[in-house]
Amino acid sequence: MKNDLFVIFHKLFTAVCQTQNVKNNDLLVITKAIQIFEFDHMGQMRDEILLRKIVGKIKMLREQKGITLEEFYNDTNIHIARIESAHTNMTVSTLHAICKYLGISIQEFFKNL
């Protein structure tokens, strides 16, 4: 169902972009609708709002501890800059490894998210 809606929104967005009478407001509405039903390259549903909250908290914790992107990568082999950009879904295992490195449990991580 949601995959079908994504295809419809994507076709609508493409059609609107090809017309000459495109209004910025039209593009914003369609873009937002696509983001709501966005799927990543593997067909997994993405909750853009939740993903942004998660990566925001990761970045906040990393910066509070004074850990640079380079240090994080060197210590964990996790490309945290890609994760913090919120362009990809991360696995639970990756989130667990991030939390472990930052010294926080997953349960504590999700409190007040």
C-alpha atoms as a PDB file:
ATOM      1  CA  MET A   1       0.000   0.000   0.000  1.00  0.00           C
ATOM      2  CA  LYS A   2       2.601   2.571   1.058  1.00  0.00           C
ATOM      3  CA  ASN A   3       4.928   1.450  -1.734  1.00  0.00           C
ATOM      4  CA  ASP A   4       2.112   2.110  -4.227  1.00  0.00           C
ATOM      5  CA  LEU A   5       1.574   5.570  -2.732  1.00  0.00           C
ATOM      6  CA  PHE A   6       5.268   6.316  -3.058  1.00  0.00           C
ATOM      7  CA  VAL A   7       5.170   5.414  -6.755  1.00  0.00           C
ATOM      8  CA  ILE A   8       2.118   7.624  -7.256  1.00  0.00           C
ATOM      9  CA  PHE A   9       3.716  10.572  -5.455  1.00  0.00           C
ATOM     10  CA  HIS A  10       6.938  10.100  -7.379  1.00  0.00           C
ATOM     11  CA  LYS A  11       5.097  10.096 -10.728  1.00  0.00           C
ATOM     12  CA  LEU A  12       3.108  13.149  -9.676  1.00  0.00           C
ATOM     13  CA  PHE A  13       6.263  14.975  -8.625  1.00  0.00           C
ATOM     14  CA  THR A  14       7.939  14.145 -11.948  1.00  0.00           C
ATOM     15  CA  ALA A  15       4.889  15.323 -13.907  1.00  0.00           C
ATOM     16  CA  VAL A  16       4.651  18.571 -11.966  1.00  0.00           C
ATOM     17  CA  CYS A  17       8.348  19.266 -12.475  1.00  0.00           C
ATOM     18  CA  GLN A  18       7.914  18.866 -16.218  1.00  0.00           C
ATOM     19  CA  THR A  19       5.189  21.511 -16.483  1.00  0.00           C
ATOM     20  CA  GLN A  20       5.984  25.177 -16.906  1.00  0.00           C
ATOM     21  CA  ASN A  21       3.390  26.420 -14.412  1.00  0.00           C
ATOM     22  CA  VAL A  22       4.988  24.926 -11.306  1.00  0.00           C
ATOM     23  CA  LYS A  23       4.459  26.888  -8.125  1.00  0.00           C
ATOM     24  CA  ASN A  24       6.894  26.526  -5.235  1.00  0.00           C
ATOM     25  CA  ASN A  25       4.018  25.648  -2.927  1.00  0.00           C
ATOM     26  CA  ASP A  26       3.009  22.735  -5.199  1.00  0.00           C
ATOM     27  CA  LEU A  27       6.529  21.342  -5.091  1.00  0.00           C
ATOM     28  CA  LEU A  28       6.719  21.697  -1.312  1.00  0.00           C
ATOM     29  CA  VAL A  29       3.464  19.801  -0.788  1.00  0.00           C
ATOM     30  CA  ILE A  30       4.455  16.995  -3.140  1.00  0.00           C
ATOM     31  CA  THR A  31       7.992  16.794  -1.751  1.00  0.00           C
ATOM     32  CA  LYS A  32       6.653  16.541   1.802  1.00  0.00           C
ATOM     33  CA  ALA A  33       4.246  13.782   0.736  1.00  0.00           C
ATOM     34  CA  ILE A  34       7.118  11.870  -0.857  1.00  0.00           C
ATOM     35  CA  GLN A  35       9.217  12.259   2.295  1.00  0.00           C
ATOM     36  CA  ILE A  36       6.418  10.838   4.417  1.00  0.00           C
ATOM     37  CA  PHE A  37       6.293   7.707   2.272  1.00  0.00           C
ATOM     38  CA  GLU A  38       9.957   7.621   1.338  1.00  0.00           C
ATOM     39  CA  PHE A  39      11.633   4.279   0.946  1.00  0.00           C
ATOM     40  CA  ASP A  40      15.354   3.713   0.884  1.00  0.00           C
ATOM     41  CA  HIS A  41      17.174   1.910  -1.924  1.00  0.00           C
ATOM     42  CA  MET A  42      16.447  -1.488  -0.372  1.00  0.00           C
ATOM     43  CA  GLY A  43      12.702  -0.902  -0.210  1.00  0.00           C
ATOM     44  CA  GLN A  44      12.655  -0.299   3.528  1.00  0.00           C
ATOM     45  CA  MET A  45      10.241   2.311   4.760  1.00  0.00           C
ATOM     46  CA  ARG A  46      11.860   5.441   6.187  1.00  0.00           C
ATOM     47  CA  ASP A  47      10.345   7.537   8.920  1.00  0.00           C
ATOM     48  CA  GLU A  48      12.136  10.783   8.170  1.00  0.00           C
ATOM     49  CA  ILE A  49      11.066  12.489  11.399  1.00  0.00           C
ATOM     50  CA  LEU A  50      12.189   9.618  13.637  1.00  0.00           C
ATOM     51  CA  LEU A  51      15.440   9.211  11.703  1.00  0.00           C
ATOM     52  CA  ARG A  52      16.274  12.912  12.138  1.00  0.00           C
ATOM     53  CA  LYS A  53      15.576  12.672  15.893  1.00  0.00           C
ATOM     54  CA  ILE A  54      17.847   9.635  16.222  1.00  0.00           C
ATOM     55  CA  VAL A  55      20.749  11.112  14.271  1.00  0.00           C
ATOM     56  CA  GLY A  56      20.329  14.418  16.087  1.00  0.00           C
ATOM     57  CA  LYS A  57      20.719  12.661  19.411  1.00  0.00           C
ATOM     58  CA  ILE A  58      23.739  10.700  18.169  1.00  0.00           C
ATOM     59  CA  LYS A  59      25.402  13.918  17.023  1.00  0.00           C
ATOM     60  CA  MET A  60      24.575  15.695  20.292  1.00  0.00           C
ATOM     61  CA  LEU A  61      26.042  12.852  22.388  1.00  0.00           C
ATOM     62  CA  ARG A  62      29.136  12.623  20.192  1.00  0.00           C
ATOM     63  CA  GLU A  63      29.765  16.371  20.408  1.00  0.00           C
ATOM     64  CA  GLN A  64      29.151  16.413  24.188  1.00  0.00           C
ATOM     65  CA  LYS A  65      31.918  13.851  24.543  1.00  0.00           C
ATOM     66  CA  GLY A  66      34.209  15.871  22.273  1.00  0.00           C
ATOM     67  CA  ILE A  67      34.560  13.049  19.745  1.00  0.00           C
ATOM     68  CA  THR A  68      35.346  14.111  16.194  1.00  0.00           C
ATOM     69  CA  LEU A  69      33.953  12.364  13.126  1.00  0.00           C
ATOM     70  CA  GLU A  70      37.438  11.079  12.334  1.00  0.00           C
ATOM     71  CA  GLU A  71      38.001   9.743  15.852  1.00  0.00           C
ATOM     72  CA  PHE A  72      34.618   8.013  15.795  1.00  0.00           C
ATOM     73  CA  TYR A  73      35.424   6.333  12.490  1.00  0.00           C
ATOM     74  CA  ASN A  74      38.945   5.324  13.538  1.00  0.00           C
ATOM     75  CA  ASP A  75      37.696   3.804  16.803  1.00  0.00           C
ATOM     76  CA  THR A  76      34.576   2.046  15.477  1.00  0.00           C
ATOM     77  CA  ASN A  77      34.941   1.713  11.708  1.00  0.00           C
ATOM     78  CA  ILE A  78      31.458   3.284  11.521  1.00  0.00           C
ATOM     79  CA  HIS A  79      31.167   6.199   9.100  1.00  0.00           C
ATOM     80  CA  ILE A  80      29.198   8.364  11.527  1.00  0.00           C
ATOM     81  CA  ALA A  81      29.124  11.365   9.170  1.00  0.00           C
ATOM     82  CA  ARG A  82      26.950   9.371   6.744  1.00  0.00           C
ATOM     83  CA  ILE A  83      24.648   8.344   9.555  1.00  0.00           C
ATOM     84  CA  GLU A  84      24.405  11.863  10.943  1.00  0.00           C
ATOM     85  CA  SER A  85      23.412  13.161   7.501  1.00  0.00           C
ATOM     86  CA  ALA A  86      20.249  10.993   7.791  1.00  0.00           C
ATOM     87  CA  HIS A  87      20.458   9.834   4.198  1.00  0.00           C
ATOM     88  CA  THR A  88      20.404   6.151   5.045  1.00  0.00           C
ATOM     89  CA  ASN A  89      18.632   3.890   7.485  1.00  0.00           C
ATOM     90  CA  MET A  90      20.917   2.272  10.009  1.00  0.00           C
ATOM     91  CA  THR A  91      20.536  -1.192  11.441  1.00  0.00           C
ATOM     92  CA  VAL A  92      19.753  -1.897  15.073  1.00  0.00           C
ATOM     93  CA  SER A  93      23.182  -3.520  15.330  1.00  0.00           C
ATOM     94  CA  THR A  94      24.852  -0.324  14.144  1.00  0.00           C
ATOM     95  CA  LEU A  95      22.813   1.756  16.588  1.00  0.00           C
ATOM     96  CA  HIS A  96      23.799  -0.657  19.363  1.00  0.00           C
ATOM     97  CA  ALA A  97      27.493  -0.290  18.461  1.00  0.00           C
ATOM     98  CA  ILE A  98      27.132   3.511  18.392  1.00  0.00           C
ATOM     99  CA  CYS A  99      25.432   3.541  21.795  1.00  0.00           C
ATOM    100  CA  LYS A 100      28.058   1.225  23.252  1.00  0.00           C
ATOM    101  CA  TYR A 101      30.858   3.479  21.990  1.00  0.00           C
ATOM    102  CA  LEU A 102      29.103   6.556  23.402  1.00  0.00           C
ATOM    103  CA  GLY A 103      28.628   4.796  26.760  1.00  0.00           C
ATOM    104  CA  ILE A 104      24.838   4.698  26.743  1.00  0.00           C
ATOM    105  CA  SER A 105      22.364   1.810  26.607  1.00  0.00           C
ATOM    106  CA  ILE A 106      19.821   1.636  23.806  1.00  0.00           C
ATOM    107  CA  GLN A 107      17.062   1.934  26.419  1.00  0.00           C
ATOM    108  CA  GLU A 108      18.578   5.141  27.768  1.00  0.00           C
ATOM    109  CA  PHE A 109      19.189   6.411  24.235  1.00  0.00           C
ATOM    110  CA  PHE A 110      15.479   6.232  23.377  1.00  0.00           C
ATOM    111  CA  LYS A 111      14.317   7.928  26.586  1.00  0.00           C
ATOM    112  CA  ASN A 112      13.012  11.423  25.850  1.00  0.00           C
ATOM    113  CA  LEU A 113      13.643  11.015  22.151  1.00  0.00           C
END
